[in-house]
């Protein structure tokens, strides 16, 4: 069975889904297992921001 779930609570999505596709601003970022998506630098940057030192 395939279910399309649009949700921003990623912890809930990671619990429910076997495969996750992440989009940001209408652009595909990553598709994979919850573990793969969670580890993706591109997903982390898009949703958590980047940590750059400021001087």
N, C-alpha and C. Protein backbone atom coordinates (compact mmCIF):
# COMPACT_ATOMS: atom_id res chain seq x y z
N UNK A 1 0.85 -1.16 0.00
CA UNK A 1 0.00 0.00 0.00
C UNK A 1 0.90 1.24 0.00
N UNK A 2 0.52 2.22 -0.77
CA UNK A 2 1.23 3.50 -0.82
C UNK A 2 0.34 4.57 -0.22
N UNK A 3 0.94 5.40 0.65
CA UNK A 3 0.23 6.50 1.28
C UNK A 3 1.05 7.77 1.08
N UNK A 4 0.41 8.82 0.64
CA UNK A 4 1.06 10.12 0.53
C UNK A 4 0.75 10.90 1.79
N UNK A 5 1.77 11.22 2.55
CA UNK A 5 1.62 11.95 3.80
C UNK A 5 2.43 13.23 3.69
N UNK A 6 1.78 14.34 3.82
CA UNK A 6 2.47 15.63 3.81
C UNK A 6 2.48 16.12 5.25
N UNK A 7 3.66 16.15 5.85
CA UNK A 7 3.77 16.45 7.27
C UNK A 7 5.11 17.11 7.55
N UNK A 8 5.11 18.03 8.49
CA UNK A 8 6.34 18.73 8.85
C UNK A 8 6.95 18.23 10.15
N UNK A 9 6.24 17.35 10.85
CA UNK A 9 6.78 16.74 12.07
C UNK A 9 7.62 15.54 11.63
N UNK A 10 8.91 15.79 11.43
CA UNK A 10 9.77 14.76 10.86
C UNK A 10 9.93 13.56 11.78
N UNK A 11 9.92 13.76 13.09
CA UNK A 11 10.03 12.61 13.99
C UNK A 11 8.86 11.65 13.77
N UNK A 12 7.66 12.19 13.60
CA UNK A 12 6.50 11.35 13.35
C UNK A 12 6.64 10.63 12.00
N UNK A 13 7.07 11.35 10.99
CA UNK A 13 7.24 10.75 9.66
C UNK A 13 8.26 9.62 9.72
N UNK A 14 9.38 9.85 10.41
CA UNK A 14 10.42 8.83 10.50
C UNK A 14 9.93 7.58 11.21
N UNK A 15 8.99 7.74 12.15
CA UNK A 15 8.42 6.58 12.84
C UNK A 15 7.47 5.79 11.94
N UNK A 16 6.71 6.50 11.09
CA UNK A 16 5.66 5.86 10.29
C UNK A 16 6.13 5.29 8.96
N UNK A 17 7.10 5.94 8.34
CA UNK A 17 7.41 5.63 6.94
C UNK A 17 8.61 4.71 6.78
N UNK A 18 8.55 3.87 5.73
CA UNK A 18 9.69 3.05 5.34
C UNK A 18 10.59 3.82 4.38
N UNK A 19 9.98 4.65 3.55
CA UNK A 19 10.69 5.47 2.58
C UNK A 19 10.19 6.90 2.71
N UNK A 20 11.11 7.85 2.72
CA UNK A 20 10.77 9.25 2.89
C UNK A 20 11.33 10.04 1.71
N UNK A 21 10.51 10.94 1.17
CA UNK A 21 10.98 11.90 0.17
C UNK A 21 10.83 13.29 0.77
N UNK A 22 11.93 14.05 0.75
CA UNK A 22 11.92 15.39 1.31
C UNK A 22 12.01 16.39 0.16
N UNK A 23 11.10 17.37 0.21
CA UNK A 23 11.12 18.47 -0.76
C UNK A 23 11.28 19.77 0.02
N UNK A 24 11.91 20.73 -0.62
CA UNK A 24 12.10 22.06 -0.01
C UNK A 24 11.96 23.09 -1.10
N UNK A 25 11.03 24.01 -0.91
CA UNK A 25 10.76 25.07 -1.89
C UNK A 25 10.48 24.49 -3.28
N UNK A 26 9.72 23.38 -3.30
CA UNK A 26 9.33 22.76 -4.55
C UNK A 26 10.41 21.95 -5.24
N UNK A 27 11.52 21.74 -4.57
CA UNK A 27 12.65 21.01 -5.15
C UNK A 27 12.89 19.73 -4.36
N UNK A 28 13.12 18.65 -5.09
CA UNK A 28 13.42 17.35 -4.46
C UNK A 28 14.81 17.41 -3.83
N UNK A 29 14.89 17.07 -2.54
CA UNK A 29 16.18 17.04 -1.85
C UNK A 29 16.73 15.64 -1.68
N UNK A 30 15.88 14.73 -1.21
CA UNK A 30 16.37 13.40 -0.84
C UNK A 30 15.23 12.41 -0.79
N UNK A 31 15.50 11.18 -1.19
CA UNK A 31 14.59 10.05 -1.00
C UNK A 31 15.41 8.91 -0.44
N UNK A 32 14.89 8.29 0.61
CA UNK A 32 15.60 7.16 1.20
C UNK A 32 14.90 6.69 2.45
N UNK A 33 15.59 5.85 3.18
CA UNK A 33 15.05 5.38 4.46
C UNK A 33 15.09 6.56 5.44
N UNK A 34 14.33 6.47 6.52
CA UNK A 34 14.40 7.54 7.51
C UNK A 34 15.83 7.81 7.99
N UNK A 35 16.62 6.77 8.15
CA UNK A 35 18.01 6.94 8.59
C UNK A 35 18.83 7.70 7.55
N UNK A 36 18.65 7.35 6.28
CA UNK A 36 19.38 8.04 5.21
C UNK A 36 18.98 9.52 5.12
N UNK A 37 17.69 9.77 5.23
CA UNK A 37 17.20 11.15 5.13
C UNK A 37 17.68 11.96 6.33
N UNK A 38 17.62 11.37 7.52
CA UNK A 38 18.06 12.06 8.73
C UNK A 38 19.55 12.43 8.64
N UNK A 39 20.34 11.59 7.99
CA UNK A 39 21.79 11.82 7.90
C UNK A 39 22.17 12.74 6.74
N UNK A 40 21.24 13.09 5.88
CA UNK A 40 21.54 13.90 4.70
C UNK A 40 21.94 15.32 5.08
N UNK A 41 23.11 15.73 4.66
CA UNK A 41 23.56 17.10 4.90
C UNK A 41 22.67 18.13 4.23
N UNK A 42 22.17 17.81 3.05
CA UNK A 42 21.30 18.73 2.33
C UNK A 42 19.98 18.95 3.07
N UNK A 43 19.41 17.88 3.61
CA UNK A 43 18.17 17.99 4.38
C UNK A 43 18.44 18.76 5.67
N UNK A 44 19.51 18.46 6.35
CA UNK A 44 19.85 19.17 7.58
C UNK A 44 20.03 20.66 7.32
N UNK A 45 20.71 21.00 6.25
CA UNK A 45 20.92 22.41 5.92
C UNK A 45 19.62 23.12 5.62
N UNK A 46 18.73 22.46 4.87
CA UNK A 46 17.47 23.08 4.47
C UNK A 46 16.53 23.28 5.66
N UNK A 47 16.51 22.31 6.58
CA UNK A 47 15.53 22.37 7.66
C UNK A 47 16.09 22.86 8.99
N UNK A 48 17.39 22.74 9.17
CA UNK A 48 17.99 23.17 10.44
C UNK A 48 18.87 24.41 10.28
N UNK A 49 19.20 24.75 9.03
CA UNK A 49 20.12 25.85 8.78
C UNK A 49 21.55 25.36 8.91
N UNK A 50 22.46 26.20 8.55
CA UNK A 50 23.87 25.85 8.67
C UNK A 50 24.47 26.61 9.84
N UNK A 51 25.48 26.03 10.41
CA UNK A 51 26.15 26.70 11.52
C UNK A 51 27.48 27.21 11.01
N UNK A 52 27.51 28.47 10.66
CA UNK A 52 28.74 29.10 10.18
C UNK A 52 29.18 30.11 11.22
N UNK A 53 30.47 30.10 11.49
CA UNK A 53 31.00 31.05 12.46
C UNK A 53 30.96 32.44 11.88
N UNK A 54 30.59 33.39 12.69
CA UNK A 54 30.59 34.77 12.25
C UNK A 54 31.69 35.51 12.99
N UNK A 55 32.35 36.43 12.28
CA UNK A 55 33.44 37.16 12.94
C UNK A 55 33.08 38.60 13.15
